[in-house]
Amino acid sequence: MNVLIVPEDFRQDQYLLKPLFERLFEELGRPQKVMVCQNPRLRGVQQALDRERLRDIVTRYPMDDIFILCVDRDGMRNRKTRLIQIENEFTGLHTFIAENAWEEIETWALAGLKLRPGWTWRSVRSEVSVKETYFEPLARHMGLADGPGGGRKEMGMIAAQSIKAIRRKCPEDFGDLANRLQKLLAVA
């Protein structure tokens, strides 16, 4: 099977999403070829939620078996409702799964990384601006901020090694997505 991850911002999210999903599929016992959508390069959640752009992606990549749209929640409590609507629109045509990170994709990586002293997981999960408040300072602290994606490449690979912790610490988003993929793979 081929898996295409559709991020809201390819420039940065690719470095976190690719290693996390590769490791997740390994953990599920079904390693997959995971690619991150590069054409078109979506820039922002509005483009990522645009049905015509998504339809173009699905049409452009007919060889992919699973499409996974990953966006930030950004404090928008109704974002999941919109994602369910998008999923329903593509049901039957392809396996299309959409999920929002709570609050940003960087939260998933933080769940698999060692936090700085004084930081609590509860405070990370309650923060809307996770990227600026926690992720970027941790990248600087780890000496990785000048690396690809502002440290995301290295941090994504490190976090992927703790995929079970990410599933456990992010049950309503990454954990739910992992469970859905597990069920999907069980019948495939």
C-alpha atoms as a PDB file:
ATOM      1  CA  MET A   1       0.000   0.000   0.000  1.00  0.00           C
ATOM      2  CA  ASN A   2       1.007   3.575  -0.605  1.00  0.00           C
ATOM      3  CA  VAL A   3       0.170   6.255   1.942  1.00  0.00           C
ATOM      4  CA  LEU A   4       0.060   9.954   1.080  1.00  0.00           C
ATOM      5  CA  ILE A   5       0.154  12.394   3.982  1.00  0.00           C
ATOM      6  CA  VAL A   6      -1.435  15.743   3.130  1.00  0.00           C
ATOM      7  CA  PRO A   7      -0.126  18.409   5.523  1.00  0.00           C
ATOM      8  CA  GLU A   8      -1.359  21.960   5.824  1.00  0.00           C
ATOM      9  CA  ASP A   9       2.215  23.203   5.439  1.00  0.00           C
ATOM     10  CA  PHE A  10       4.610  20.924   3.587  1.00  0.00           C
ATOM     11  CA  ARG A  11       7.643  23.101   4.311  1.00  0.00           C
ATOM     12  CA  GLN A  12       7.690  22.229   8.004  1.00  0.00           C
ATOM     13  CA  ASP A  13       5.164  19.484   8.700  1.00  0.00           C
ATOM     14  CA  GLN A  14       6.842  16.974   6.363  1.00  0.00           C
ATOM     15  CA  TYR A  15       9.734  16.589   8.791  1.00  0.00           C
ATOM     16  CA  LEU A  16       7.444  15.537  11.622  1.00  0.00           C
ATOM     17  CA  LEU A  17       4.708  13.647   9.816  1.00  0.00           C
ATOM     18  CA  LYS A  18       6.789  11.320   7.633  1.00  0.00           C
ATOM     19  CA  PRO A  19       8.840   9.730  10.460  1.00  0.00           C
ATOM     20  CA  LEU A  20       5.837   9.587  12.808  1.00  0.00           C
ATOM     21  CA  PHE A  21       3.666   7.766  10.281  1.00  0.00           C
ATOM     22  CA  GLU A  22       6.429   5.465   9.086  1.00  0.00           C
ATOM     23  CA  ARG A  23       7.010   4.412  12.684  1.00  0.00           C
ATOM     24  CA  LEU A  24       3.289   4.124  13.390  1.00  0.00           C
ATOM     25  CA  PHE A  25       2.768   1.729  10.473  1.00  0.00           C
ATOM     26  CA  GLU A  26       5.774  -0.308  11.640  1.00  0.00           C
ATOM     27  CA  GLU A  27       4.261  -0.528  15.112  1.00  0.00           C
ATOM     28  CA  LEU A  28       0.957  -1.633  13.605  1.00  0.00           C
ATOM     29  CA  GLY A  29       2.860  -4.473  11.947  1.00  0.00           C
ATOM     30  CA  ARG A  30       2.181  -3.165   8.439  1.00  0.00           C
ATOM     31  CA  PRO A  31       5.069  -1.002   7.214  1.00  0.00           C
ATOM     32  CA  GLN A  32       3.930   1.193   4.342  1.00  0.00           C
ATOM     33  CA  LYS A  33       5.506   3.435   1.770  1.00  0.00           C
ATOM     34  CA  VAL A  34       4.758   6.863   3.260  1.00  0.00           C
ATOM     35  CA  MET A  35       5.064   9.994   1.153  1.00  0.00           C
ATOM     36  CA  VAL A  36       4.196  13.585   2.009  1.00  0.00           C
ATOM     37  CA  CYS A  37       2.251  15.529  -0.614  1.00  0.00           C
ATOM     38  CA  GLN A  38       4.554  17.990  -2.352  1.00  0.00           C
ATOM     39  CA  ASN A  39       2.414  18.938  -5.314  1.00  0.00           C
ATOM     40  CA  PRO A  40       0.503  21.026  -4.722  1.00  0.00           C
ATOM     41  CA  ARG A  41       2.344  22.434  -1.731  1.00  0.00           C
ATOM     42  CA  LEU A  42      -0.431  23.569   0.524  1.00  0.00           C
ATOM     43  CA  ARG A  43       0.248  26.639   2.612  1.00  0.00           C
ATOM     44  CA  GLY A  44      -2.102  26.937   5.501  1.00  0.00           C
ATOM     45  CA  VAL A  45      -5.153  25.288   6.898  1.00  0.00           C
ATOM     46  CA  GLN A  46      -7.580  27.084   4.560  1.00  0.00           C
ATOM     47  CA  GLN A  47      -5.912  25.547   1.528  1.00  0.00           C
ATOM     48  CA  ALA A  48      -5.733  22.159   3.239  1.00  0.00           C
ATOM     49  CA  LEU A  49      -9.472  22.210   3.957  1.00  0.00           C
ATOM     50  CA  ASP A  50     -10.420  23.337   0.455  1.00  0.00           C
ATOM     51  CA  ARG A  51     -12.378  20.476  -1.116  1.00  0.00           C
ATOM     52  CA  GLU A  52     -11.324  21.325  -4.676  1.00  0.00           C
ATOM     53  CA  ARG A  53      -7.639  21.246  -3.730  1.00  0.00           C
ATOM     54  CA  LEU A  54      -8.160  17.928  -1.955  1.00  0.00           C
ATOM     55  CA  ARG A  55     -10.044  16.523  -4.932  1.00  0.00           C
ATOM     56  CA  ASP A  56      -7.119  17.596  -7.137  1.00  0.00           C
ATOM     57  CA  ILE A  57      -4.680  15.765  -4.849  1.00  0.00           C
ATOM     58  CA  VAL A  58      -6.738  12.569  -4.820  1.00  0.00           C
ATOM     59  CA  THR A  59      -7.060  12.705  -8.617  1.00  0.00           C
ATOM     60  CA  ARG A  60      -3.358  13.483  -9.092  1.00  0.00           C
ATOM     61  CA  TYR A  61      -2.247  10.513  -6.975  1.00  0.00           C
ATOM     62  CA  PRO A  62      -4.478   7.572  -7.982  1.00  0.00           C
ATOM     63  CA  MET A  63      -1.714   5.107  -7.068  1.00  0.00           C
ATOM     64  CA  ASP A  64      -2.036   5.936  -3.380  1.00  0.00           C
ATOM     65  CA  ASP A  65      -4.238   3.685  -1.285  1.00  0.00           C
ATOM     66  CA  ILE A  66      -4.578   5.820   1.843  1.00  0.00           C
ATOM     67  CA  PHE A  67      -4.760   9.607   2.060  1.00  0.00           C
ATOM     68  CA  ILE A  68      -4.240  11.175   5.492  1.00  0.00           C
ATOM     69  CA  LEU A  69      -4.996  14.873   5.870  1.00  0.00           C
ATOM     70  CA  CYS A  70      -3.261  16.366   8.933  1.00  0.00           C
ATOM     71  CA  VAL A  71      -3.991  19.901  10.063  1.00  0.00           C
ATOM     72  CA  ASP A  72      -3.648  21.969  13.216  1.00  0.00           C
ATOM     73  CA  ARG A  73      -6.671  22.534  15.393  1.00  0.00           C
ATOM     74  CA  ASP A  74      -5.508  26.069  16.204  1.00  0.00           C
ATOM     75  CA  GLY A  75      -8.061  26.466  18.984  1.00  0.00           C
ATOM     76  CA  MET A  76     -10.964  25.845  16.599  1.00  0.00           C
ATOM     77  CA  ARG A  77     -13.171  23.455  18.534  1.00  0.00           C
ATOM     78  CA  ASN A  78     -15.355  22.741  15.498  1.00  0.00           C
ATOM     79  CA  ARG A  79     -12.438  21.818  13.226  1.00  0.00           C
ATOM     80  CA  LYS A  80     -13.068  18.075  13.712  1.00  0.00           C
ATOM     81  CA  THR A  81     -16.635  18.493  12.424  1.00  0.00           C
ATOM     82  CA  ARG A  82     -15.273  20.004   9.227  1.00  0.00           C
ATOM     83  CA  LEU A  83     -12.798  17.148   8.858  1.00  0.00           C
ATOM     84  CA  ILE A  84     -15.546  14.569   9.241  1.00  0.00           C
ATOM     85  CA  GLN A  85     -17.503  16.305   6.482  1.00  0.00           C
ATOM     86  CA  ILE A  86     -14.463  16.178   4.213  1.00  0.00           C
ATOM     87  CA  GLU A  87     -13.899  12.492   4.998  1.00  0.00           C
ATOM     88  CA  ASN A  88     -17.529  11.724   4.176  1.00  0.00           C
ATOM     89  CA  GLU A  89     -17.223  13.479   0.836  1.00  0.00           C
ATOM     90  CA  PHE A  90     -14.372  11.169  -0.192  1.00  0.00           C
ATOM     91  CA  THR A  91     -15.831   7.972   1.290  1.00  0.00           C
ATOM     92  CA  GLY A  92     -16.141   5.218  -1.265  1.00  0.00           C
ATOM     93  CA  LEU A  93     -13.735   6.844  -3.682  1.00  0.00           C
ATOM     94  CA  HIS A  94     -10.568   6.320  -1.649  1.00  0.00           C
ATOM     95  CA  THR A  95      -9.502   5.656   1.896  1.00  0.00           C
ATOM     96  CA  PHE A  96      -9.360   9.238   3.114  1.00  0.00           C
ATOM     97  CA  ILE A  97      -8.761  10.016   6.765  1.00  0.00           C
ATOM     98  CA  ALA A  98      -8.571  13.513   8.231  1.00  0.00           C
ATOM     99  CA  GLU A  99      -7.295  14.479  11.666  1.00  0.00           C
ATOM    100  CA  ASN A 100      -6.426  17.633  13.514  1.00  0.00           C
ATOM    101  CA  ALA A 101      -3.620  17.783  16.013  1.00  0.00           C
ATOM    102  CA  TRP A 102      -4.406  19.236  19.391  1.00  0.00           C
ATOM    103  CA  GLU A 103      -3.455  22.144  18.935  1.00  0.00           C
ATOM    104  CA  GLU A 104      -0.612  21.895  16.422  1.00  0.00           C
ATOM    105  CA  ILE A 105       1.250  19.072  14.650  1.00  0.00           C
ATOM    106  CA  GLU A 106       4.278  19.921  16.813  1.00  0.00           C
ATOM    107  CA  THR A 107       2.299  18.643  19.818  1.00  0.00           C
ATOM    108  CA  TRP A 108       2.581  15.096  18.486  1.00  0.00           C
ATOM    109  CA  ALA A 109       6.354  15.394  18.328  1.00  0.00           C
ATOM    110  CA  LEU A 110       6.539  16.901  21.813  1.00  0.00           C
ATOM    111  CA  ALA A 111       4.644  13.866  23.130  1.00  0.00           C
ATOM    112  CA  GLY A 112       7.564  11.718  22.041  1.00  0.00           C
ATOM    113  CA  LEU A 113      10.314  14.006  23.290  1.00  0.00           C
ATOM    114  CA  LYS A 114      11.723  14.730  26.714  1.00  0.00           C
ATOM    115  CA  LEU A 115      10.335  18.064  27.870  1.00  0.00           C
ATOM    116  CA  ARG A 116      12.460  20.710  29.515  1.00  0.00           C
ATOM    117  CA  PRO A 117      12.544  20.835  33.330  1.00  0.00           C
ATOM    118  CA  GLY A 118       9.531  22.662  34.696  1.00  0.00           C
ATOM    119  CA  TRP A 119       7.355  21.902  31.682  1.00  0.00           C
ATOM    120  CA  THR A 120       4.394  19.602  32.178  1.00  0.00           C
ATOM    121  CA  TRP A 121       2.481  17.631  29.612  1.00  0.00           C
ATOM    122  CA  ARG A 122      -0.719  19.175  30.951  1.00  0.00           C
ATOM    123  CA  SER A 123       0.582  22.681  30.177  1.00  0.00           C
ATOM    124  CA  VAL A 124       1.643  21.629  26.658  1.00  0.00           C
ATOM    125  CA  ARG A 125      -1.800  20.150  25.938  1.00  0.00           C
ATOM    126  CA  SER A 126      -3.607  23.231  27.213  1.00  0.00           C
ATOM    127  CA  GLU A 127      -1.561  25.655  25.093  1.00  0.00           C
ATOM    128  CA  VAL A 128      -2.967  26.817  21.739  1.00  0.00           C
ATOM    129  CA  SER A 129       0.364  28.191  20.474  1.00  0.00           C
ATOM    130  CA  VAL A 130       2.365  25.019  21.103  1.00  0.00           C
ATOM    131  CA  LYS A 131       4.858  25.722  18.329  1.00  0.00           C
ATOM    132  CA  GLU A 132       5.954  29.098  19.679  1.00  0.00           C
ATOM    133  CA  THR A 133       5.592  28.341  23.380  1.00  0.00           C
ATOM    134  CA  TYR A 134       7.140  24.864  23.566  1.00  0.00           C
ATOM    135  CA  PHE A 135       8.400  23.379  20.318  1.00  0.00           C
ATOM    136  CA  GLU A 136      10.658  26.182  19.093  1.00  0.00           C
ATOM    137  CA  PRO A 137      12.211  26.792  22.544  1.00  0.00           C
ATOM    138  CA  LEU A 138      12.891  23.040  22.850  1.00  0.00           C
ATOM    139  CA  ALA A 139      14.509  23.010  19.385  1.00  0.00           C
ATOM    140  CA  ARG A 140      16.790  25.851  20.492  1.00  0.00           C
ATOM    141  CA  HIS A 141      17.545  24.115  23.802  1.00  0.00           C
ATOM    142  CA  MET A 142      18.455  20.899  21.941  1.00  0.00           C
ATOM    143  CA  GLY A 143      20.672  22.878  19.542  1.00  0.00           C
ATOM    144  CA  LEU A 144      18.570  21.822  16.555  1.00  0.00           C
ATOM    145  CA  ALA A 145      16.776  25.058  15.627  1.00  0.00           C
ATOM    146  CA  ASP A 146      19.097  25.731  12.685  1.00  0.00           C
ATOM    147  CA  GLY A 147      18.479  22.288  11.180  1.00  0.00           C
ATOM    148  CA  PRO A 148      15.959  21.405   8.462  1.00  0.00           C
ATOM    149  CA  GLY A 149      12.481  22.628   9.313  1.00  0.00           C
ATOM    150  CA  GLY A 150      13.757  24.549  12.335  1.00  0.00           C
ATOM    151  CA  GLY A 151      14.845  21.307  14.009  1.00  0.00           C
ATOM    152  CA  ARG A 152      11.784  19.351  12.956  1.00  0.00           C
ATOM    153  CA  LYS A 153      13.710  16.778  10.926  1.00  0.00           C
ATOM    154  CA  GLU A 154      15.851  15.589  13.821  1.00  0.00           C
ATOM    155  CA  MET A 155      13.130  16.059  16.426  1.00  0.00           C
ATOM    156  CA  GLY A 156      10.647  14.135  14.270  1.00  0.00           C
ATOM    157  CA  MET A 157      13.012  11.181  13.992  1.00  0.00           C
ATOM    158  CA  ILE A 158      13.668  11.220  17.742  1.00  0.00           C
ATOM    159  CA  ALA A 159       9.966  11.514  18.606  1.00  0.00           C
ATOM    160  CA  ALA A 160       9.051   8.671  16.238  1.00  0.00           C
ATOM    161  CA  GLN A 161      11.014   6.288  18.443  1.00  0.00           C
ATOM    162  CA  SER A 162       8.399   6.930  21.166  1.00  0.00           C
ATOM    163  CA  ILE A 163       5.300   6.320  19.062  1.00  0.00           C
ATOM    164  CA  LYS A 164       3.551   4.468  21.907  1.00  0.00           C
ATOM    165  CA  ALA A 165       3.977   7.495  24.164  1.00  0.00           C
ATOM    166  CA  ILE A 166       2.540   9.740  21.455  1.00  0.00           C
ATOM    167  CA  ARG A 167      -0.513   7.485  21.111  1.00  0.00           C
ATOM    168  CA  ARG A 168      -0.963   7.456  24.884  1.00  0.00           C
ATOM    169  CA  LYS A 169      -0.433  11.191  25.459  1.00  0.00           C
ATOM    170  CA  CYS A 170      -2.538  12.283  22.467  1.00  0.00           C
ATOM    171  CA  PRO A 171      -5.492   9.865  22.669  1.00  0.00           C
ATOM    172  CA  GLU A 172      -8.181  12.041  21.083  1.00  0.00           C
ATOM    173  CA  ASP A 173      -6.180  12.913  17.984  1.00  0.00           C
ATOM    174  CA  PHE A 174      -3.070  10.864  17.165  1.00  0.00           C
ATOM    175  CA  GLY A 175      -4.255   7.903  19.241  1.00  0.00           C
ATOM    176  CA  ASP A 176      -7.656   7.920  17.566  1.00  0.00           C
ATOM    177  CA  LEU A 177      -6.032   8.177  14.144  1.00  0.00           C
ATOM    178  CA  ALA A 178      -3.724   5.245  14.980  1.00  0.00           C
ATOM    179  CA  ASN A 179      -6.704   3.145  16.092  1.00  0.00           C
ATOM    180  CA  ARG A 180      -8.582   3.945  12.891  1.00  0.00           C
ATOM    181  CA  LEU A 181      -5.585   2.959  10.787  1.00  0.00           C
ATOM    182  CA  GLN A 182      -5.167  -0.244  12.783  1.00  0.00           C
ATOM    183  CA  LYS A 183      -8.776  -1.233  12.055  1.00  0.00           C
ATOM    184  CA  LEU A 184      -8.377  -0.312   8.414  1.00  0.00           C
ATOM    185  CA  LEU A 185      -5.234  -2.428   8.046  1.00  0.00           C
ATOM    186  CA  ALA A 186      -6.858  -5.378   9.821  1.00  0.00           C
ATOM    187  CA  VAL A 187      -9.432  -5.722   7.041  1.00  0.00           C
ATOM    188  CA  ALA A 188      -7.070  -4.895   4.164  1.00  0.00           C
END
